[in-house]
Amino acid sequence: MKQNAPLFLFTFLVLFLIGCASGYQTINPKIVSFNSKSASNEILLEYKYELLTNKYKKKERKHDVRLVALKLTNLSDKDLVFGQHLKLAYENGSLIKLLERDEIYQETKQIAGAYFLYLALTPLQLTINTSKQTGPYSSESIPIGLFAGPGLAGRNVIVASSSNKQYKKDLKEHYLLGRTLKKGETTYGLIGIVSGNYDAIKFTTE
């Protein structure tokens, strides 16, 4: 049994570069186990990094974007708008750049179209050499790429697209920027920040 060596190497390269699409683990900030806290006279802030998994986590790290879940309790006697009356800062006082919802999604989503590269495997054939006790060798080629290429491409595009759809839905539902925090109430949600680290954060008023 023998495979076409150049095509086999090309197949391996494609698989190595794009891998397989990954599923998305839905995020509900209300059930997140918050592990960091900061308090002021107006706001009790609890937050958690490291929400994304699989390829979404890799994209997050690659682009220095961090998706953060927040739990905010408004301790003041008035309603406050997140991003207007209240802004986030690091412990050293420097303001944190908050990403728009679509920016978070574009930077961290899977690129579903990339998995069409699996179609490049379509020409792949498996050549089987056989020999008899007498007579010359004979060979038979099996076009395994006709099944593997479209099959892998279709499956991965579907998985990536479906995962992205759920991810986008979660961002739309839980995005916090511009949300009104009612006095005395607790609000949960998600934000995206530009950072390569997991620094402590707090609220600041302007």
N, C-alpha and C. Protein backbone atom coordinates (compact mmCIF):
# COMPACT_ATOMS: atom_id res chain seq x y z
N MET A 1 0.85 -1.19 0.00
CA MET A 1 0.00 0.00 0.00
C MET A 1 0.89 1.24 0.00
N LYS A 2 0.67 2.14 -0.96
CA LYS A 2 1.53 3.31 -1.09
C LYS A 2 0.69 4.53 -1.42
N GLN A 3 1.04 5.67 -0.81
CA GLN A 3 0.37 6.93 -1.07
C GLN A 3 1.28 7.82 -1.91
N ASN A 4 0.66 8.76 -2.62
CA ASN A 4 1.41 9.75 -3.36
C ASN A 4 2.12 10.65 -2.36
N ALA A 5 3.45 10.59 -2.29
CA ALA A 5 4.21 11.27 -1.23
C ALA A 5 4.03 12.79 -1.22
N PRO A 6 4.18 13.50 -2.36
CA PRO A 6 4.01 14.96 -2.33
C PRO A 6 2.61 15.37 -1.87
N LEU A 7 1.61 14.63 -2.34
CA LEU A 7 0.25 14.97 -1.98
C LEU A 7 -0.02 14.65 -0.52
N PHE A 8 0.58 13.59 -0.03
CA PHE A 8 0.44 13.23 1.38
C PHE A 8 1.05 14.33 2.27
N LEU A 9 2.22 14.84 1.88
CA LEU A 9 2.86 15.91 2.66
C LEU A 9 2.02 17.18 2.62
N PHE A 10 1.44 17.46 1.45
CA PHE A 10 0.58 18.64 1.33
C PHE A 10 -0.65 18.48 2.23
N THR A 11 -1.20 17.29 2.28
CA THR A 11 -2.34 17.01 3.14
C THR A 11 -1.99 17.26 4.60
N PHE A 12 -0.84 16.76 5.00
CA PHE A 12 -0.39 16.95 6.38
C PHE A 12 -0.23 18.43 6.69
N LEU A 13 0.30 19.21 5.74
CA LEU A 13 0.51 20.64 5.95
C LEU A 13 -0.82 21.36 6.14
N VAL A 14 -1.82 21.02 5.31
CA VAL A 14 -3.14 21.64 5.43
C VAL A 14 -3.74 21.36 6.80
N LEU A 15 -3.68 20.09 7.21
CA LEU A 15 -4.23 19.71 8.51
C LEU A 15 -3.51 20.42 9.66
N PHE A 16 -2.20 20.57 9.51
CA PHE A 16 -1.41 21.22 10.56
C PHE A 16 -1.75 22.70 10.68
N LEU A 17 -1.94 23.37 9.53
CA LEU A 17 -2.15 24.81 9.53
C LEU A 17 -3.54 25.21 10.04
N ILE A 18 -4.56 24.47 9.67
CA ILE A 18 -5.91 24.91 10.03
C ILE A 18 -6.57 24.04 11.10
N GLY A 19 -6.07 22.83 11.28
CA GLY A 19 -6.64 21.98 12.32
C GLY A 19 -8.13 21.75 12.09
N CYS A 20 -8.85 21.53 13.17
CA CYS A 20 -10.29 21.30 13.09
C CYS A 20 -11.04 22.41 13.81
N ALA A 21 -12.24 22.67 13.34
CA ALA A 21 -13.09 23.65 14.02
C ALA A 21 -13.42 23.14 15.42
N SER A 22 -13.64 24.07 16.34
CA SER A 22 -13.96 23.68 17.71
C SER A 22 -15.33 24.20 18.10
N GLY A 23 -15.94 23.53 19.04
CA GLY A 23 -17.22 23.96 19.55
C GLY A 23 -17.05 25.17 20.46
N TYR A 24 -18.17 25.79 20.79
CA TYR A 24 -18.18 26.96 21.67
C TYR A 24 -18.93 26.61 22.94
N GLN A 25 -18.33 26.91 24.06
CA GLN A 25 -18.96 26.69 25.36
C GLN A 25 -19.67 27.96 25.78
N THR A 26 -21.00 27.93 25.80
CA THR A 26 -21.78 29.13 26.05
C THR A 26 -21.42 29.77 27.39
N ILE A 27 -21.51 31.11 27.43
CA ILE A 27 -21.13 31.88 28.62
C ILE A 27 -22.34 32.59 29.18
N ASN A 28 -22.66 32.30 30.43
CA ASN A 28 -23.73 32.99 31.14
C ASN A 28 -23.12 33.65 32.37
N PRO A 29 -22.93 34.98 32.34
CA PRO A 29 -22.26 35.67 33.46
C PRO A 29 -22.93 35.44 34.82
N LYS A 30 -24.23 35.12 34.84
CA LYS A 30 -24.93 34.94 36.10
C LYS A 30 -24.48 33.69 36.85
N ILE A 31 -23.87 32.75 36.14
CA ILE A 31 -23.44 31.51 36.81
C ILE A 31 -21.92 31.37 36.83
N VAL A 32 -21.22 32.45 36.48
CA VAL A 32 -19.76 32.44 36.52
C VAL A 32 -19.28 32.48 37.98
N SER A 33 -18.21 31.74 38.27
CA SER A 33 -17.59 31.80 39.59
C SER A 33 -16.58 32.95 39.60
N PHE A 34 -16.97 34.09 40.10
CA PHE A 34 -16.10 35.27 40.10
C PHE A 34 -14.99 35.10 41.13
N ASN A 35 -13.77 35.41 40.70
CA ASN A 35 -12.61 35.17 41.58
C ASN A 35 -11.83 36.43 41.91
N SER A 36 -12.31 37.60 41.48
CA SER A 36 -11.64 38.86 41.81
C SER A 36 -12.68 39.90 42.16
N LYS A 37 -12.29 40.86 43.05
CA LYS A 37 -13.27 41.82 43.55
C LYS A 37 -12.60 43.18 43.77
N SER A 38 -13.39 44.24 43.55
CA SER A 38 -12.95 45.60 43.82
C SER A 38 -14.17 46.39 44.25
N ALA A 39 -14.01 47.23 45.25
CA ALA A 39 -15.16 47.97 45.77
C ALA A 39 -14.85 49.46 45.87
N SER A 40 -15.87 50.26 45.65
CA SER A 40 -15.78 51.71 45.85
C SER A 40 -17.04 52.14 46.58
N ASN A 41 -17.20 53.44 46.78
CA ASN A 41 -18.39 53.93 47.46
C ASN A 41 -19.65 53.73 46.63
N GLU A 42 -19.46 53.60 45.31
CA GLU A 42 -20.62 53.52 44.42
C GLU A 42 -20.86 52.13 43.85
N ILE A 43 -19.79 51.38 43.64
CA ILE A 43 -19.90 50.11 42.93
C ILE A 43 -19.12 49.00 43.62
N LEU A 44 -19.76 47.84 43.73
CA LEU A 44 -19.04 46.62 44.09
C LEU A 44 -18.83 45.85 42.79
N LEU A 45 -17.58 45.65 42.44
CA LEU A 45 -17.22 45.01 41.18
C LEU A 45 -16.61 43.64 41.45
N GLU A 46 -17.16 42.62 40.80
CA GLU A 46 -16.56 41.30 40.79
C GLU A 46 -16.34 40.92 39.32
N TYR A 47 -15.22 40.26 39.04
CA TYR A 47 -14.91 39.98 37.64
C TYR A 47 -14.11 38.70 37.48
N LYS A 48 -14.12 38.21 36.25
CA LYS A 48 -13.39 36.98 35.94
C LYS A 48 -12.90 37.01 34.50
N TYR A 49 -11.61 36.74 34.33
CA TYR A 49 -11.02 36.52 33.01
C TYR A 49 -11.17 35.03 32.64
N GLU A 50 -10.52 34.64 31.57
CA GLU A 50 -10.43 33.23 31.16
C GLU A 50 -11.82 32.60 31.00
N LEU A 51 -12.62 33.19 30.12
CA LEU A 51 -13.96 32.66 29.86
C LEU A 51 -14.01 31.78 28.62
N LEU A 52 -13.20 32.11 27.64
CA LEU A 52 -13.25 31.41 26.36
C LEU A 52 -12.43 30.13 26.39
N THR A 53 -12.80 29.19 25.54
CA THR A 53 -12.09 27.92 25.44
C THR A 53 -11.76 27.63 23.98
N ASN A 54 -10.97 26.59 23.79
CA ASN A 54 -10.65 26.07 22.45
C ASN A 54 -10.06 27.16 21.54
N LYS A 55 -10.53 27.21 20.29
CA LYS A 55 -9.95 28.15 19.34
C LYS A 55 -10.26 29.59 19.68
N TYR A 56 -11.36 29.82 20.37
CA TYR A 56 -11.70 31.19 20.77
C TYR A 56 -10.67 31.72 21.76
N LYS A 57 -10.22 30.88 22.63
CA LYS A 57 -9.20 31.28 23.60
C LYS A 57 -7.88 31.59 22.90
N LYS A 58 -7.54 30.78 21.89
CA LYS A 58 -6.30 31.02 21.14
C LYS A 58 -6.36 32.34 20.39
N LYS A 59 -7.53 32.65 19.80
CA LYS A 59 -7.67 33.92 19.09
C LYS A 59 -7.60 35.10 20.06
N GLU A 60 -8.19 34.93 21.23
CA GLU A 60 -8.16 35.96 22.26
C GLU A 60 -6.72 36.31 22.62
N ARG A 61 -5.91 35.29 22.85
CA ARG A 61 -4.52 35.52 23.22
C ARG A 61 -3.70 36.06 22.05
N LYS A 62 -3.98 35.58 20.87
CA LYS A 62 -3.24 36.02 19.69
C LYS A 62 -3.40 37.51 19.44
N HIS A 63 -4.61 38.03 19.66
CA HIS A 63 -4.91 39.43 19.36
C HIS A 63 -4.88 40.33 20.59
N ASP A 64 -4.39 39.81 21.72
CA ASP A 64 -4.32 40.60 22.96
C ASP A 64 -5.68 41.20 23.31
N VAL A 65 -6.69 40.36 23.23
CA VAL A 65 -8.04 40.75 23.62
C VAL A 65 -8.43 39.86 24.80
N ARG A 66 -9.13 40.43 25.76
CA ARG A 66 -9.59 39.66 26.90
C ARG A 66 -11.09 39.86 27.08
N LEU A 67 -11.81 38.76 27.05
CA LEU A 67 -13.24 38.80 27.36
C LEU A 67 -13.38 38.65 28.87
N VAL A 68 -14.12 39.55 29.49
CA VAL A 68 -14.22 39.58 30.96
C VAL A 68 -15.69 39.58 31.37
N ALA A 69 -16.02 38.72 32.32
CA ALA A 69 -17.37 38.72 32.91
C ALA A 69 -17.37 39.63 34.13
N LEU A 70 -18.42 40.44 34.26
CA LEU A 70 -18.52 41.37 35.39
C LEU A 70 -19.82 41.13 36.17
N LYS A 71 -19.72 41.31 37.47
CA LYS A 71 -20.89 41.36 38.34
C LYS A 71 -20.83 42.70 39.05
N LEU A 72 -21.82 43.56 38.81
CA LEU A 72 -21.79 44.93 39.30
C LEU A 72 -22.96 45.20 40.22
N THR A 73 -22.67 45.63 41.44
CA THR A 73 -23.73 46.01 42.38
C THR A 73 -23.66 47.51 42.60
N ASN A 74 -24.73 48.19 42.24
CA ASN A 74 -24.80 49.65 42.36
C ASN A 74 -25.15 50.02 43.79
N LEU A 75 -24.16 50.53 44.52
CA LEU A 75 -24.34 50.89 45.92
C LEU A 75 -24.77 52.35 46.11
N SER A 76 -24.83 53.09 45.02
CA SER A 76 -25.15 54.52 45.11
C SER A 76 -26.67 54.72 45.21
N ASP A 77 -27.08 55.97 45.29
CA ASP A 77 -28.51 56.29 45.39
C ASP A 77 -29.05 56.79 44.05
N LYS A 78 -28.36 56.47 42.95
CA LYS A 78 -28.81 56.90 41.63
C LYS A 78 -28.45 55.84 40.58
N ASP A 79 -29.13 55.92 39.46
CA ASP A 79 -28.81 55.04 38.34
C ASP A 79 -27.52 55.51 37.69
N LEU A 80 -26.70 54.55 37.25
CA LEU A 80 -25.42 54.87 36.62
C LEU A 80 -25.31 54.14 35.28
N VAL A 81 -24.74 54.82 34.29
CA VAL A 81 -24.56 54.22 32.97
C VAL A 81 -23.12 53.76 32.83
N PHE A 82 -22.96 52.48 32.56
CA PHE A 82 -21.61 51.92 32.42
C PHE A 82 -20.97 52.42 31.13
N GLY A 83 -19.81 53.06 31.29
CA GLY A 83 -19.11 53.64 30.14
C GLY A 83 -19.32 55.13 30.04
N GLN A 84 -20.32 55.65 30.80
CA GLN A 84 -20.57 57.10 30.80
C GLN A 84 -20.23 57.68 32.18
N HIS A 85 -20.99 57.28 33.19
CA HIS A 85 -20.69 57.74 34.55
C HIS A 85 -19.56 56.94 35.18
N LEU A 86 -19.43 55.73 34.75
CA LEU A 86 -18.44 54.82 35.32
C LEU A 86 -17.54 54.25 34.23
N LYS A 87 -16.23 54.27 34.50
CA LYS A 87 -15.28 53.69 33.56
C LYS A 87 -14.32 52.77 34.31
N LEU A 88 -13.74 51.84 33.58
CA LEU A 88 -12.82 50.90 34.20
C LEU A 88 -11.38 51.40 34.07
N ALA A 89 -10.59 51.08 35.09
CA ALA A 89 -9.18 51.45 35.09
C ALA A 89 -8.38 50.31 35.72
N TYR A 90 -7.08 50.30 35.43
CA TYR A 90 -6.19 49.36 36.11
C TYR A 90 -5.83 49.95 37.48
N GLU A 91 -5.17 49.15 38.28
CA GLU A 91 -4.79 49.59 39.63
C GLU A 91 -3.91 50.83 39.61
N ASN A 92 -3.12 51.02 38.54
CA ASN A 92 -2.25 52.20 38.46
C ASN A 92 -3.00 53.45 38.03
N GLY A 93 -4.31 53.31 37.77
CA GLY A 93 -5.12 54.47 37.43
C GLY A 93 -5.33 54.69 35.94
N SER A 94 -4.61 54.01 35.07
CA SER A 94 -4.76 54.20 33.63
C SER A 94 -6.08 53.59 33.15
N LEU A 95 -6.80 54.35 32.33
CA LEU A 95 -8.09 53.91 31.84
C LEU A 95 -7.96 52.69 30.93
N ILE A 96 -8.97 51.85 30.95
CA ILE A 96 -8.99 50.63 30.14
C ILE A 96 -9.78 50.90 28.87
N LYS A 97 -9.21 50.52 27.75
CA LYS A 97 -9.91 50.65 26.48
C LYS A 97 -10.92 49.51 26.34
N LEU A 98 -12.18 49.87 26.23
CA LEU A 98 -13.24 48.87 26.04
C LEU A 98 -13.55 48.71 24.57
N LEU A 99 -13.68 47.49 24.14
CA LEU A 99 -13.99 47.20 22.75
C LEU A 99 -15.49 47.19 22.52
N GLU A 100 -15.90 47.63 21.34
CA GLU A 100 -17.29 47.49 20.95
C GLU A 100 -17.60 46.00 20.76
N ARG A 101 -18.87 45.67 20.85
CA ARG A 101 -19.28 44.27 20.78
C ARG A 101 -18.81 43.59 19.49
N ASP A 102 -18.99 44.28 18.37
CA ASP A 102 -18.58 43.69 17.09
C ASP A 102 -17.07 43.52 16.99
N GLU A 103 -16.32 44.41 17.64
CA GLU A 103 -14.86 44.28 17.65
C GLU A 103 -14.43 43.02 18.40
N ILE A 104 -15.07 42.77 19.53
CA ILE A 104 -14.76 41.55 20.29
C ILE A 104 -15.00 40.33 19.42
N TYR A 105 -16.14 40.32 18.77
CA TYR A 105 -16.52 39.16 17.95
C TYR A 105 -15.54 38.96 16.79
N GLN A 106 -15.23 40.03 16.08
CA GLN A 106 -14.35 39.91 14.92
C GLN A 106 -12.94 39.46 15.30
N GLU A 107 -12.46 39.87 16.45
CA GLU A 107 -11.11 39.52 16.86
C GLU A 107 -11.00 38.09 17.37
N THR A 108 -12.09 37.51 17.86
CA THR A 108 -11.98 36.22 18.54
C THR A 108 -12.79 35.09 17.90
N LYS A 109 -13.57 35.36 16.87
CA LYS A 109 -14.37 34.31 16.24
C LYS A 109 -13.48 33.36 15.43
N GLN A 110 -14.04 32.20 15.12
CA GLN A 110 -13.38 31.28 14.20
C GLN A 110 -13.63 31.75 12.77
N ILE A 111 -12.65 31.53 11.89
CA ILE A 111 -12.82 31.89 10.48
C ILE A 111 -13.36 30.66 9.76
N ALA A 112 -14.69 30.60 9.65
CA ALA A 112 -15.33 29.41 9.09
C ALA A 112 -14.86 29.13 7.66
N GLY A 113 -14.67 30.18 6.87
CA GLY A 113 -14.28 29.99 5.48
C GLY A 113 -12.92 29.34 5.30
N ALA A 114 -12.07 29.44 6.34
CA ALA A 114 -10.73 28.85 6.23
C ALA A 114 -10.80 27.33 6.06
N TYR A 115 -11.87 26.72 6.54
CA TYR A 115 -11.96 25.27 6.47
C TYR A 115 -12.30 24.75 5.08
N PHE A 116 -12.60 25.65 4.16
CA PHE A 116 -12.76 25.23 2.77
C PHE A 116 -11.42 24.77 2.19
N LEU A 117 -10.32 25.10 2.88
CA LEU A 117 -9.01 24.61 2.44
C LEU A 117 -8.95 23.09 2.43
N TYR A 118 -9.83 22.45 3.18
CA TYR A 118 -9.87 20.98 3.15
C TYR A 118 -10.22 20.45 1.76
N LEU A 119 -10.85 21.29 0.95
CA LEU A 119 -11.17 20.86 -0.41
C LEU A 119 -9.91 20.59 -1.22
N ALA A 120 -8.78 21.15 -0.76
CA ALA A 120 -7.51 20.89 -1.44
C ALA A 120 -7.10 19.43 -1.34
N LEU A 121 -7.75 18.69 -0.43
CA LEU A 121 -7.43 17.27 -0.28
C LEU A 121 -8.17 16.40 -1.29
N THR A 122 -9.08 17.02 -2.05
CA THR A 122 -9.91 16.25 -2.98
C THR A 122 -9.10 15.37 -3.95
N PRO A 123 -7.95 15.83 -4.50
CA PRO A 123 -7.21 14.97 -5.44
C PRO A 123 -6.48 13.79 -4.78
N LEU A 124 -6.49 13.74 -3.47
CA LEU A 124 -5.71 12.70 -2.77
C LEU A 124 -6.20 11.31 -3.15
N GLN A 125 -5.24 10.45 -3.52
CA GLN A 125 -5.56 9.07 -3.87
C GLN A 125 -4.69 8.12 -3.08
N LEU A 126 -5.26 6.98 -2.79
CA LEU A 126 -4.53 5.91 -2.13
C LEU A 126 -4.23 4.84 -3.15
N THR A 127 -2.93 4.58 -3.38
CA THR A 127 -2.52 3.60 -4.38
C THR A 127 -2.11 2.31 -3.68
N ILE A 128 -2.74 1.23 -4.08
CA ILE A 128 -2.46 -0.09 -3.51
C ILE A 128 -1.75 -0.93 -4.56
N ASN A 129 -0.55 -1.39 -4.24
CA ASN A 129 0.21 -2.27 -5.13
C ASN A 129 0.03 -3.72 -4.67
N THR A 130 -0.27 -4.56 -5.60
CA THR A 130 -0.42 -5.98 -5.30
C THR A 130 0.46 -6.79 -6.23
N SER A 131 0.84 -7.95 -5.80
CA SER A 131 1.66 -8.81 -6.64
C SER A 131 1.15 -10.23 -6.58
N LYS A 132 1.35 -10.91 -7.64
CA LYS A 132 0.99 -12.32 -7.70
C LYS A 132 2.26 -13.16 -7.67
N GLN A 133 2.08 -14.45 -7.45
CA GLN A 133 3.26 -15.33 -7.42
C GLN A 133 3.97 -15.34 -8.76
N THR A 134 3.20 -15.18 -9.79
CA THR A 134 3.77 -15.07 -11.13
C THR A 134 3.19 -13.86 -11.82
N GLY A 135 3.96 -13.20 -12.58
CA GLY A 135 3.47 -12.04 -13.31
C GLY A 135 3.86 -10.74 -12.65
N PRO A 136 3.61 -9.63 -13.35
CA PRO A 136 4.03 -8.31 -12.87
C PRO A 136 3.12 -7.80 -11.74
N TYR A 137 3.62 -6.71 -11.09
CA TYR A 137 2.82 -6.03 -10.08
C TYR A 137 1.61 -5.36 -10.74
N SER A 138 0.56 -5.23 -10.01
CA SER A 138 -0.59 -4.45 -10.46
C SER A 138 -0.92 -3.44 -9.37
N SER A 139 -1.56 -2.38 -9.73
CA SER A 139 -1.89 -1.34 -8.75
C SER A 139 -3.31 -0.85 -8.95
N GLU A 140 -3.85 -0.34 -7.87
CA GLU A 140 -5.21 0.20 -7.90
C GLU A 140 -5.23 1.49 -7.10
N SER A 141 -5.81 2.54 -7.66
CA SER A 141 -5.89 3.84 -6.98
C SER A 141 -7.30 4.08 -6.47
N ILE A 142 -7.39 4.44 -5.21
CA ILE A 142 -8.68 4.72 -4.59
C ILE A 142 -8.78 6.22 -4.31
N PRO A 143 -9.75 6.92 -4.88
CA PRO A 143 -9.85 8.38 -4.72
C PRO A 143 -10.42 8.78 -3.36
N ILE A 144 -9.66 8.56 -2.29
CA ILE A 144 -10.17 8.86 -0.95
C ILE A 144 -10.42 10.35 -0.74
N GLY A 145 -9.71 11.17 -1.51
CA GLY A 145 -9.89 12.61 -1.37
C GLY A 145 -11.27 13.09 -1.76
N LEU A 146 -11.95 12.35 -2.66
CA LEU A 146 -13.30 12.74 -3.07
C LEU A 146 -14.27 12.71 -1.90
N PHE A 147 -13.96 11.89 -0.91
CA PHE A 147 -14.79 11.81 0.28
C PHE A 147 -14.21 12.66 1.41
N ALA A 148 -12.90 12.57 1.60
CA ALA A 148 -12.25 13.27 2.72
C ALA A 148 -12.31 14.78 2.55
N GLY A 149 -12.00 15.30 1.37
CA GLY A 149 -11.95 16.75 1.16
C GLY A 149 -13.28 17.44 1.43
N PRO A 150 -14.32 17.14 0.63
CA PRO A 150 -15.62 17.77 0.86
C PRO A 150 -16.21 17.44 2.23
N GLY A 151 -15.98 16.21 2.70
CA GLY A 151 -16.53 15.81 3.99
C GLY A 151 -15.94 16.62 5.14
N LEU A 152 -14.62 16.74 5.17
CA LEU A 152 -13.96 17.50 6.23
C LEU A 152 -14.29 18.99 6.12
N ALA A 153 -14.30 19.49 4.88
CA ALA A 153 -14.62 20.92 4.68
C ALA A 153 -16.02 21.22 5.18
N GLY A 154 -16.99 20.42 4.76
CA GLY A 154 -18.37 20.67 5.14
C GLY A 154 -18.59 20.58 6.64
N ARG A 155 -18.04 19.54 7.26
CA ARG A 155 -18.22 19.37 8.69
C ARG A 155 -17.65 20.53 9.48
N ASN A 156 -16.42 20.93 9.14
CA ASN A 156 -15.76 21.98 9.91
C ASN A 156 -16.39 23.35 9.69
N VAL A 157 -16.84 23.63 8.49
CA VAL A 157 -17.53 24.89 8.23
C VAL A 157 -18.82 24.97 9.04
N ILE A 158 -19.55 23.86 9.11
CA ILE A 158 -20.80 23.82 9.87
C ILE A 158 -20.53 24.02 11.35
N VAL A 159 -19.53 23.32 11.89
CA VAL A 159 -19.22 23.44 13.32
C VAL A 159 -18.79 24.86 13.66
N ALA A 160 -17.89 25.44 12.84
CA ALA A 160 -17.39 26.79 13.11
C ALA A 160 -18.51 27.82 13.00
N SER A 161 -19.35 27.70 11.98
CA SER A 161 -20.44 28.66 11.79
C SER A 161 -21.45 28.58 12.92
N SER A 162 -21.80 27.37 13.32
CA SER A 162 -22.76 27.18 14.42
C SER A 162 -22.20 27.72 15.74
N SER A 163 -20.92 27.47 16.00
CA SER A 163 -20.29 27.95 17.21
C SER A 163 -20.22 29.47 17.23
N ASN A 164 -19.85 30.06 16.09
CA ASN A 164 -19.80 31.52 16.00
C ASN A 164 -21.17 32.15 16.23
N LYS A 165 -22.19 31.51 15.72
CA LYS A 165 -23.56 32.04 15.87
C LYS A 165 -23.95 32.11 17.34
N GLN A 166 -23.65 31.05 18.10
CA GLN A 166 -23.98 31.05 19.52
C GLN A 166 -23.14 32.07 20.29
N TYR A 167 -21.86 32.17 19.91
CA TYR A 167 -20.95 33.13 20.54
C TYR A 167 -21.46 34.56 20.32
N LYS A 168 -21.85 34.86 19.10
CA LYS A 168 -22.36 36.20 18.78
C LYS A 168 -23.64 36.49 19.55
N LYS A 169 -24.48 35.47 19.72
CA LYS A 169 -25.72 35.63 20.47
C LYS A 169 -25.43 35.96 21.93
N ASP A 170 -24.45 35.27 22.53
CA ASP A 170 -24.09 35.54 23.92
C ASP A 170 -23.56 36.97 24.10
N LEU A 171 -22.72 37.40 23.16
CA LEU A 171 -22.18 38.76 23.23
C LEU A 171 -23.30 39.80 23.13
N LYS A 172 -24.23 39.56 22.24
CA LYS A 172 -25.34 40.50 22.06
C LYS A 172 -26.20 40.57 23.32
N GLU A 173 -26.43 39.44 23.95
CA GLU A 173 -27.32 39.38 25.11
C GLU A 173 -26.67 39.97 26.36
N HIS A 174 -25.36 39.77 26.52
CA HIS A 174 -24.72 40.12 27.79
C HIS A 174 -23.78 41.33 27.73
N TYR A 175 -23.64 41.95 26.58
CA TYR A 175 -22.70 43.06 26.45
C TYR A 175 -23.10 44.22 27.37
N LEU A 176 -22.14 44.75 28.11
CA LEU A 176 -22.43 45.71 29.18
C LEU A 176 -22.29 47.18 28.80
N LEU A 177 -21.42 47.51 27.87
CA LEU A 177 -21.14 48.92 27.59
C LEU A 177 -22.43 49.65 27.21
N GLY A 178 -22.71 50.74 27.93
CA GLY A 178 -23.92 51.51 27.69
C GLY A 178 -25.10 51.06 28.52
N ARG A 179 -24.95 49.99 29.29
CA ARG A 179 -26.04 49.47 30.12
C ARG A 179 -26.26 50.37 31.34
N THR A 180 -27.53 50.59 31.70
CA THR A 180 -27.86 51.36 32.90
C THR A 180 -27.88 50.44 34.11
N LEU A 181 -27.13 50.82 35.14
CA LEU A 181 -27.09 50.06 36.39
C LEU A 181 -28.06 50.72 37.37
N LYS A 182 -29.17 50.06 37.64
CA LYS A 182 -30.18 50.60 38.52
C LYS A 182 -29.67 50.66 39.97
N LYS A 183 -30.03 51.70 40.67
CA LYS A 183 -29.56 51.85 42.05
C LYS A 183 -30.03 50.67 42.91
N GLY A 184 -29.09 50.16 43.69
CA GLY A 184 -29.41 49.05 44.59
C GLY A 184 -29.47 47.70 43.93
N GLU A 185 -29.29 47.62 42.61
CA GLU A 185 -29.43 46.35 41.91
C GLU A 185 -28.07 45.79 41.49
N THR A 186 -28.07 44.49 41.22
CA THR A 186 -26.88 43.81 40.72
C THR A 186 -27.08 43.47 39.24
N THR A 187 -26.07 43.79 38.45
CA THR A 187 -26.12 43.56 37.01
C THR A 187 -24.95 42.67 36.59
N TYR A 188 -25.22 41.76 35.67
CA TYR A 188 -24.19 40.87 35.16
C TYR A 188 -23.98 41.13 33.67
N GLY A 189 -22.74 40.90 33.19
CA GLY A 189 -22.52 41.07 31.76
C GLY A 189 -21.09 40.81 31.34
N LEU A 190 -20.83 41.12 30.06
CA LEU A 190 -19.53 40.86 29.46
C LEU A 190 -18.96 42.14 28.86
N ILE A 191 -17.65 42.25 28.91
CA ILE A 191 -16.93 43.32 28.22
C ILE A 191 -15.71 42.72 27.53
N GLY A 192 -15.16 43.46 26.60
CA GLY A 192 -13.90 43.07 25.97
C GLY A 192 -12.90 44.20 26.13
N ILE A 193 -11.68 43.86 26.53
CA ILE A 193 -10.65 44.88 26.71
C ILE A 193 -9.42 44.51 25.90
N VAL A 194 -8.62 45.52 25.57
CA VAL A 194 -7.36 45.31 24.87
C VAL A 194 -6.27 45.13 25.91
N SER A 195 -5.77 43.93 26.04
CA SER A 195 -4.74 43.65 27.04
C SER A 195 -4.09 42.31 26.74
N GLY A 196 -2.80 42.25 26.99
CA GLY A 196 -2.09 40.98 26.85
C GLY A 196 -1.93 40.28 28.17
N ASN A 197 -2.46 40.90 29.24
CA ASN A 197 -2.30 40.35 30.59
C ASN A 197 -3.66 40.18 31.26
N TYR A 198 -3.61 39.85 32.54
CA TYR A 198 -4.82 39.66 33.34
C TYR A 198 -4.72 40.54 34.59
N ASP A 199 -4.54 41.84 34.35
CA ASP A 199 -4.31 42.77 35.45
C ASP A 199 -5.58 43.04 36.24
N ALA A 200 -5.38 43.42 37.52
CA ALA A 200 -6.49 43.81 38.38
C ALA A 200 -7.17 45.07 37.82
N ILE A 201 -8.49 45.12 37.93
CA ILE A 201 -9.23 46.26 37.41
C ILE A 201 -10.14 46.83 38.50
N LYS A 202 -10.55 48.09 38.30
CA LYS A 202 -11.43 48.77 39.24
C LYS A 202 -12.25 49.80 38.49
N PHE A 203 -13.24 50.38 39.15
CA PHE A 203 -14.02 51.44 38.55
C PHE A 203 -13.44 52.80 38.91
N THR A 204 -13.60 53.72 37.99
CA THR A 204 -13.22 55.10 38.26
C THR A 204 -14.33 56.00 37.74
N THR A 205 -14.55 57.14 38.38
CA THR A 205 -15.58 58.09 37.95
C THR A 205 -14.90 59.31 37.36
N GLU A 206 -15.57 59.91 36.41
CA GLU A 206 -15.04 61.12 35.77
C GLU A 206 -16.11 62.21 35.76
